[in-house]
Amino acid sequence: MLEFAILGLLQQSPMHGYELRKQLASVLGGLRSISYGSLYPALKRLHKAGLVTTVEPSPGELLPADAPALTGRRGKVVYTITAEGKERFQELVSQAGPEAYDDGGHFGVHLAFFRHTAADVRLRILEGRRRTVERQREGLRASLARTRERVDRYTLELQRHGLESVDREVRWLSELIDKELTDGEPTDRGHRDAATGDDGRAH
């Protein structure tokens, strides 16, 4: 997941390590905190695999004012995705199997790069995620029914809260799926007629 997110961000533009870390926090949506201790080994693996390359800073180059103190004030290495890295990113962004949606963290990263994802793949991922969350919802409902009479009211409220959260996610996913289906439909009939002509033949 981390390497996928790194390649996705570098696909947009080259970045310093500190900027990558900041952008990763945004992409991952607070799902996990990325430390430099995990970021730089991941970059090293990507570099060794030929998926990213590095550019040393120009003499006297400074980092922006919001760079953390531990990076120092002098310019640091810039990471850039390679052609091989772009190919690998396209492979990852095209995955639509359970690995793309069964885990919430992986789904979140895929969602963050949906603009690079084919429409049919987006739809399969969203539908797969909805099925996964619907199964979770059924499990929570069954658990709530079994334990309703045997737990205290605080535990009961916690279970209800979890069920409400899953319900919200199902509704949210359904809205995204509906939007995908709507966006994928042909344009209005007038536009199609203008393209084909009244006799149905293309102009």
C-alpha atoms as a PDB file:
ATOM      1  CA  MET A   1       0.000   0.000   0.000  1.00  0.00           C
ATOM      2  CA  LEU A   2       2.775   2.445   0.904  1.00  0.00           C
ATOM      3  CA  GLU A   3       4.758   1.837  -2.269  1.00  0.00           C
ATOM      4  CA  PHE A   4       1.585   2.114  -4.369  1.00  0.00           C
ATOM      5  CA  ALA A   5       0.822   5.472  -2.751  1.00  0.00           C
ATOM      6  CA  ILE A   6       4.391   6.703  -3.267  1.00  0.00           C
ATOM      7  CA  LEU A   7       4.322   5.815  -6.965  1.00  0.00           C
ATOM      8  CA  GLY A   8       0.931   7.483  -7.318  1.00  0.00           C
ATOM      9  CA  LEU A   9       2.178  10.718  -5.799  1.00  0.00           C
ATOM     10  CA  LEU A  10       5.391  10.729  -7.815  1.00  0.00           C
ATOM     11  CA  GLN A  11       3.272  10.131 -10.919  1.00  0.00           C
ATOM     12  CA  GLN A  12       1.946  13.645 -10.343  1.00  0.00           C
ATOM     13  CA  SER A  13       5.280  15.357  -9.698  1.00  0.00           C
ATOM     14  CA  PRO A  14       8.787  14.804  -8.280  1.00  0.00           C
ATOM     15  CA  MET A  15       9.009  15.378  -4.525  1.00  0.00           C
ATOM     16  CA  HIS A  16      11.402  15.650  -1.603  1.00  0.00           C
ATOM     17  CA  GLY A  17      11.032  12.982   1.053  1.00  0.00           C
ATOM     18  CA  TYR A  18       9.476  15.377   3.553  1.00  0.00           C
ATOM     19  CA  GLU A  19       6.895  16.504   0.985  1.00  0.00           C
ATOM     20  CA  LEU A  20       6.098  12.891   0.144  1.00  0.00           C
ATOM     21  CA  ARG A  21       5.474  12.171   3.813  1.00  0.00           C
ATOM     22  CA  LYS A  22       3.128  15.145   4.070  1.00  0.00           C
ATOM     23  CA  GLN A  23       1.225  14.167   0.933  1.00  0.00           C
ATOM     24  CA  LEU A  24       1.003  10.541   2.069  1.00  0.00           C
ATOM     25  CA  ALA A  25      -0.793  11.644   5.217  1.00  0.00           C
ATOM     26  CA  SER A  26      -3.381  13.312   3.000  1.00  0.00           C
ATOM     27  CA  VAL A  27      -3.723  10.345   0.632  1.00  0.00           C
ATOM     28  CA  LEU A  28      -4.052   7.818   3.431  1.00  0.00           C
ATOM     29  CA  GLY A  29      -6.657   9.981   5.131  1.00  0.00           C
ATOM     30  CA  GLY A  30      -5.287   9.540   8.612  1.00  0.00           C
ATOM     31  CA  LEU A  31      -5.517   5.740   8.328  1.00  0.00           C
ATOM     32  CA  ARG A  32      -1.919   5.453   9.416  1.00  0.00           C
ATOM     33  CA  SER A  33       0.985   7.683  10.301  1.00  0.00           C
ATOM     34  CA  ILE A  34       3.954   7.404   7.962  1.00  0.00           C
ATOM     35  CA  SER A  35       7.276   7.842   9.704  1.00  0.00           C
ATOM     36  CA  TYR A  36      10.558   8.564   7.995  1.00  0.00           C
ATOM     37  CA  GLY A  37      11.637   5.157   9.323  1.00  0.00           C
ATOM     38  CA  SER A  38       9.110   3.483   7.033  1.00  0.00           C
ATOM     39  CA  LEU A  39       9.140   6.002   4.167  1.00  0.00           C
ATOM     40  CA  TYR A  40      12.842   5.953   3.333  1.00  0.00           C
ATOM     41  CA  PRO A  41      13.210   2.137   3.324  1.00  0.00           C
ATOM     42  CA  ALA A  42      10.234   2.023   0.932  1.00  0.00           C
ATOM     43  CA  LEU A  43      11.897   4.637  -1.310  1.00  0.00           C
ATOM     44  CA  LYS A  44      15.113   2.649  -1.175  1.00  0.00           C
ATOM     45  CA  ARG A  45      13.280  -0.492  -2.326  1.00  0.00           C
ATOM     46  CA  LEU A  46      11.624   1.403  -5.154  1.00  0.00           C
ATOM     47  CA  HIS A  47      14.959   2.905  -6.192  1.00  0.00           C
ATOM     48  CA  LYS A  48      16.681  -0.486  -6.141  1.00  0.00           C
ATOM     49  CA  ALA A  49      13.886  -1.893  -8.318  1.00  0.00           C
ATOM     50  CA  GLY A  50      14.370   0.919 -10.824  1.00  0.00           C
ATOM     51  CA  LEU A  51      10.923   2.373 -10.185  1.00  0.00           C
ATOM     52  CA  VAL A  52      12.153   5.747  -8.922  1.00  0.00           C
ATOM     53  CA  THR A  53      15.284   7.765  -9.490  1.00  0.00           C
ATOM     54  CA  THR A  54      16.918  10.473  -7.389  1.00  0.00           C
ATOM     55  CA  VAL A  55      18.265  13.903  -8.183  1.00  0.00           C
ATOM     56  CA  GLU A  56      20.750  15.591  -5.867  1.00  0.00           C
ATOM     57  CA  PRO A  57      19.933  19.191  -4.889  1.00  0.00           C
ATOM     58  CA  SER A  58      21.638  22.119  -6.555  1.00  0.00           C
ATOM     59  CA  PRO A  59      24.259  23.888  -4.438  1.00  0.00           C
ATOM     60  CA  GLY A  60      22.624  26.375  -2.103  1.00  0.00           C
ATOM     61  CA  GLU A  61      19.113  25.033  -2.726  1.00  0.00           C
ATOM     62  CA  LEU A  62      16.853  25.384   0.306  1.00  0.00           C
ATOM     63  CA  LEU A  63      13.762  23.514   1.368  1.00  0.00           C
ATOM     64  CA  PRO A  64      10.487  25.413   1.860  1.00  0.00           C
ATOM     65  CA  ALA A  65       9.925  27.083   5.211  1.00  0.00           C
ATOM     66  CA  ASP A  66       7.451  24.423   6.386  1.00  0.00           C
ATOM     67  CA  ALA A  67       9.986  21.579   6.121  1.00  0.00           C
ATOM     68  CA  PRO A  68      10.452  19.826   9.483  1.00  0.00           C
ATOM     69  CA  ALA A  69      13.585  20.617  11.448  1.00  0.00           C
ATOM     70  CA  LEU A  70      15.044  17.125  11.123  1.00  0.00           C
ATOM     71  CA  THR A  71      15.427  17.539   7.368  1.00  0.00           C
ATOM     72  CA  GLY A  72      17.840  20.416   7.798  1.00  0.00           C
ATOM     73  CA  ARG A  73      17.739  23.667   5.885  1.00  0.00           C
ATOM     74  CA  ARG A  74      19.775  22.570   2.890  1.00  0.00           C
ATOM     75  CA  GLY A  75      18.098  21.004  -0.098  1.00  0.00           C
ATOM     76  CA  LYS A  76      17.495  17.259  -0.029  1.00  0.00           C
ATOM     77  CA  VAL A  77      17.239  14.543  -2.642  1.00  0.00           C
ATOM     78  CA  VAL A  78      14.305  14.775  -5.045  1.00  0.00           C
ATOM     79  CA  TYR A  79      12.546  11.533  -5.999  1.00  0.00           C
ATOM     80  CA  THR A  80      11.178  11.074  -9.519  1.00  0.00           C
ATOM     81  CA  ILE A  81       9.203   8.164 -10.947  1.00  0.00           C
ATOM     82  CA  THR A  82      10.817   6.288 -13.854  1.00  0.00           C
ATOM     83  CA  ALA A  83       9.185   4.810 -16.950  1.00  0.00           C
ATOM     84  CA  GLU A  84       9.301   1.426 -15.213  1.00  0.00           C
ATOM     85  CA  GLY A  85       7.702   3.005 -12.159  1.00  0.00           C
ATOM     86  CA  LYS A  86       4.886   4.402 -14.282  1.00  0.00           C
ATOM     87  CA  GLU A  87       4.269   0.935 -15.737  1.00  0.00           C
ATOM     88  CA  ARG A  88       4.208  -0.575 -12.259  1.00  0.00           C
ATOM     89  CA  PHE A  89       1.797   2.112 -11.070  1.00  0.00           C
ATOM     90  CA  GLN A  90      -0.521   1.338 -13.997  1.00  0.00           C
ATOM     91  CA  GLU A  91      -0.438  -2.339 -13.026  1.00  0.00           C
ATOM     92  CA  LEU A  92      -1.344  -1.506  -9.426  1.00  0.00           C
ATOM     93  CA  VAL A  93      -4.039   1.002 -10.329  1.00  0.00           C
ATOM     94  CA  SER A  94      -5.643  -1.539 -12.663  1.00  0.00           C
ATOM     95  CA  GLN A  95      -6.069  -4.198  -9.970  1.00  0.00           C
ATOM     96  CA  ALA A  96      -9.740  -4.810  -9.223  1.00  0.00           C
ATOM     97  CA  GLY A  97      -9.579  -8.008  -7.149  1.00  0.00           C
ATOM     98  CA  PRO A  98     -10.190  -8.430  -3.404  1.00  0.00           C
ATOM     99  CA  GLU A  99      -6.767  -6.959  -2.639  1.00  0.00           C
ATOM    100  CA  ALA A 100      -8.116  -3.609  -3.858  1.00  0.00           C
ATOM    101  CA  TYR A 101     -11.181  -3.450  -1.604  1.00  0.00           C
ATOM    102  CA  ASP A 102     -11.276  -6.053   1.192  1.00  0.00           C
ATOM    103  CA  ASP A 103      -8.871  -3.995   3.287  1.00  0.00           C
ATOM    104  CA  GLY A 104     -10.075  -0.474   4.051  1.00  0.00           C
ATOM    105  CA  GLY A 105      -6.577   0.979   3.817  1.00  0.00           C
ATOM    106  CA  HIS A 106      -5.914  -0.489   0.391  1.00  0.00           C
ATOM    107  CA  PHE A 107      -9.332   0.645  -0.807  1.00  0.00           C
ATOM    108  CA  GLY A 108      -8.616   4.175   0.403  1.00  0.00           C
ATOM    109  CA  VAL A 109      -5.375   4.351  -1.577  1.00  0.00           C
ATOM    110  CA  HIS A 110      -7.077   3.030  -4.711  1.00  0.00           C
ATOM    111  CA  LEU A 111      -9.832   5.598  -4.252  1.00  0.00           C
ATOM    112  CA  ALA A 112      -7.263   8.392  -3.926  1.00  0.00           C
ATOM    113  CA  PHE A 113      -5.950   7.543  -7.406  1.00  0.00           C
ATOM    114  CA  PHE A 114      -9.278   6.868  -9.105  1.00  0.00           C
ATOM    115  CA  ARG A 115      -8.574   9.669 -11.603  1.00  0.00           C
ATOM    116  CA  HIS A 116      -5.832   7.415 -13.016  1.00  0.00           C
ATOM    117  CA  THR A 117      -8.121   4.367 -13.023  1.00  0.00           C
ATOM    118  CA  ALA A 118     -10.255   3.072 -15.905  1.00  0.00           C
ATOM    119  CA  ALA A 119     -14.015   3.492 -15.406  1.00  0.00           C
ATOM    120  CA  ASP A 120     -14.769  -0.239 -15.434  1.00  0.00           C
ATOM    121  CA  VAL A 121     -12.068  -0.893 -12.844  1.00  0.00           C
ATOM    122  CA  ARG A 122     -13.397   1.901 -10.612  1.00  0.00           C
ATOM    123  CA  LEU A 123     -16.851   0.352 -10.730  1.00  0.00           C
ATOM    124  CA  ARG A 124     -15.595  -3.153  -9.902  1.00  0.00           C
ATOM    125  CA  ILE A 125     -13.618  -1.832  -6.939  1.00  0.00           C
ATOM    126  CA  LEU A 126     -16.575   0.168  -5.592  1.00  0.00           C
ATOM    127  CA  GLU A 127     -18.972  -2.741  -5.988  1.00  0.00           C
ATOM    128  CA  GLY A 128     -16.479  -5.102  -4.363  1.00  0.00           C
ATOM    129  CA  ARG A 129     -16.015  -2.729  -1.441  1.00  0.00           C
ATOM    130  CA  ARG A 130     -19.775  -2.422  -1.007  1.00  0.00           C
ATOM    131  CA  ARG A 131     -20.152  -6.215  -0.904  1.00  0.00           C
ATOM    132  CA  THR A 132     -17.384  -6.401   1.682  1.00  0.00           C
ATOM    133  CA  VAL A 133     -18.972  -3.757   3.897  1.00  0.00           C
ATOM    134  CA  GLU A 134     -22.430  -5.296   3.488  1.00  0.00           C
ATOM    135  CA  ARG A 135     -21.027  -8.584   4.799  1.00  0.00           C
ATOM    136  CA  GLN A 136     -19.549  -6.701   7.745  1.00  0.00           C
ATOM    137  CA  ARG A 137     -22.947  -5.104   8.359  1.00  0.00           C
ATOM    138  CA  GLU A 138     -24.705  -8.468   8.399  1.00  0.00           C
ATOM    139  CA  GLY A 139     -22.134  -9.770  10.867  1.00  0.00           C
ATOM    140  CA  LEU A 140     -22.658  -6.779  13.140  1.00  0.00           C
ATOM    141  CA  ARG A 141     -26.426  -7.165  12.983  1.00  0.00           C
ATOM    142  CA  ALA A 142     -26.188 -10.835  13.880  1.00  0.00           C
ATOM    143  CA  SER A 143     -23.825 -10.073  16.758  1.00  0.00           C
ATOM    144  CA  LEU A 144     -26.120  -7.341  18.048  1.00  0.00           C
ATOM    145  CA  ALA A 145     -29.111  -9.680  17.955  1.00  0.00           C
ATOM    146  CA  ARG A 146     -27.221 -12.383  19.845  1.00  0.00           C
ATOM    147  CA  THR A 147     -25.775 -10.187  22.569  1.00  0.00           C
ATOM    148  CA  ARG A 148     -28.530  -7.590  23.034  1.00  0.00           C
ATOM    149  CA  GLU A 149     -29.793  -9.185  26.267  1.00  0.00           C
ATOM    150  CA  ARG A 150     -26.375 -10.097  27.650  1.00  0.00           C
ATOM    151  CA  VAL A 151     -24.328  -6.891  27.475  1.00  0.00           C
ATOM    152  CA  ASP A 152     -24.501  -3.646  29.376  1.00  0.00           C
ATOM    153  CA  ARG A 153     -25.928  -0.545  27.753  1.00  0.00           C
ATOM    154  CA  TYR A 154     -22.517   0.970  27.030  1.00  0.00           C
ATOM    155  CA  THR A 155     -21.370  -2.065  25.069  1.00  0.00           C
ATOM    156  CA  LEU A 156     -24.718  -2.095  23.307  1.00  0.00           C
ATOM    157  CA  GLU A 157     -24.330   1.555  22.303  1.00  0.00           C
ATOM    158  CA  LEU A 158     -20.825   0.838  21.014  1.00  0.00           C
ATOM    159  CA  GLN A 159     -22.175  -1.980  18.848  1.00  0.00           C
ATOM    160  CA  ARG A 160     -24.957   0.251  17.555  1.00  0.00           C
ATOM    161  CA  HIS A 161     -22.434   2.960  16.759  1.00  0.00           C
ATOM    162  CA  GLY A 162     -20.383   0.478  14.739  1.00  0.00           C
ATOM    163  CA  LEU A 163     -23.470  -0.640  12.846  1.00  0.00           C
ATOM    164  CA  GLU A 164     -24.450   2.947  12.067  1.00  0.00           C
ATOM    165  CA  SER A 165     -20.948   3.647  10.744  1.00  0.00           C
ATOM    166  CA  VAL A 166     -21.121   0.646   8.430  1.00  0.00           C
ATOM    167  CA  ASP A 167     -24.609   1.683   7.275  1.00  0.00           C
ATOM    168  CA  ARG A 168     -23.236   5.108   6.370  1.00  0.00           C
ATOM    169  CA  GLU A 169     -20.381   3.566   4.401  1.00  0.00           C
ATOM    170  CA  VAL A 170     -22.797   1.371   2.435  1.00  0.00           C
ATOM    171  CA  ARG A 171     -24.912   4.422   1.565  1.00  0.00           C
ATOM    172  CA  TRP A 172     -21.804   6.405   0.598  1.00  0.00           C
ATOM    173  CA  LEU A 173     -20.533   3.596  -1.623  1.00  0.00           C
ATOM    174  CA  SER A 174     -23.957   3.270  -3.253  1.00  0.00           C
ATOM    175  CA  GLU A 175     -23.886   6.987  -4.055  1.00  0.00           C
ATOM    176  CA  LEU A 176     -20.422   6.661  -5.613  1.00  0.00           C
ATOM    177  CA  ILE A 177     -21.553   3.660  -7.659  1.00  0.00           C
ATOM    178  CA  ASP A 178     -24.650   5.501  -8.871  1.00  0.00           C
ATOM    179  CA  LYS A 179     -22.456   8.435  -9.889  1.00  0.00           C
ATOM    180  CA  GLU A 180     -20.107   6.132 -11.795  1.00  0.00           C
ATOM    181  CA  LEU A 181     -23.042   4.546 -13.615  1.00  0.00           C
ATOM    182  CA  THR A 182     -24.567   7.940 -14.413  1.00  0.00           C
ATOM    183  CA  ASP A 183     -21.273   9.359 -15.665  1.00  0.00           C
ATOM    184  CA  GLY A 184     -20.795   6.286 -17.843  1.00  0.00           C
ATOM    185  CA  GLU A 185     -24.168   6.644 -19.592  1.00  0.00           C
ATOM    186  CA  PRO A 186     -24.397   8.168 -23.086  1.00  0.00           C
ATOM    187  CA  THR A 187     -25.256  11.837 -23.293  1.00  0.00           C
ATOM    188  CA  ASP A 188     -28.817  13.015 -23.950  1.00  0.00           C
ATOM    189  CA  ARG A 189     -30.681  11.944 -27.085  1.00  0.00           C
ATOM    190  CA  GLY A 190     -30.346  15.336 -28.736  1.00  0.00           C
ATOM    191  CA  HIS A 191     -26.586  15.097 -28.582  1.00  0.00           C
ATOM    192  CA  ARG A 192     -26.636  11.549 -29.998  1.00  0.00           C
ATOM    193  CA  ASP A 193     -28.981  12.616 -32.797  1.00  0.00           C
ATOM    194  CA  ALA A 194     -26.649  15.467 -33.685  1.00  0.00           C
ATOM    195  CA  ALA A 195     -23.826  12.956 -33.981  1.00  0.00           C
ATOM    196  CA  THR A 196     -25.737  10.348 -36.013  1.00  0.00           C
ATOM    197  CA  GLY A 197     -28.387  12.309 -37.865  1.00  0.00           C
ATOM    198  CA  ASP A 198     -32.156  11.707 -37.931  1.00  0.00           C
ATOM    199  CA  ASP A 199     -31.718   8.687 -40.197  1.00  0.00           C
ATOM    200  CA  GLY A 200     -29.391   7.021 -37.675  1.00  0.00           C
ATOM    201  CA  ARG A 201     -26.329   7.266 -39.902  1.00  0.00           C
ATOM    202  CA  ALA A 202     -23.135   8.794 -38.545  1.00  0.00           C
ATOM    203  CA  HIS A 203     -22.164  12.148 -40.086  1.00  0.00           C
END
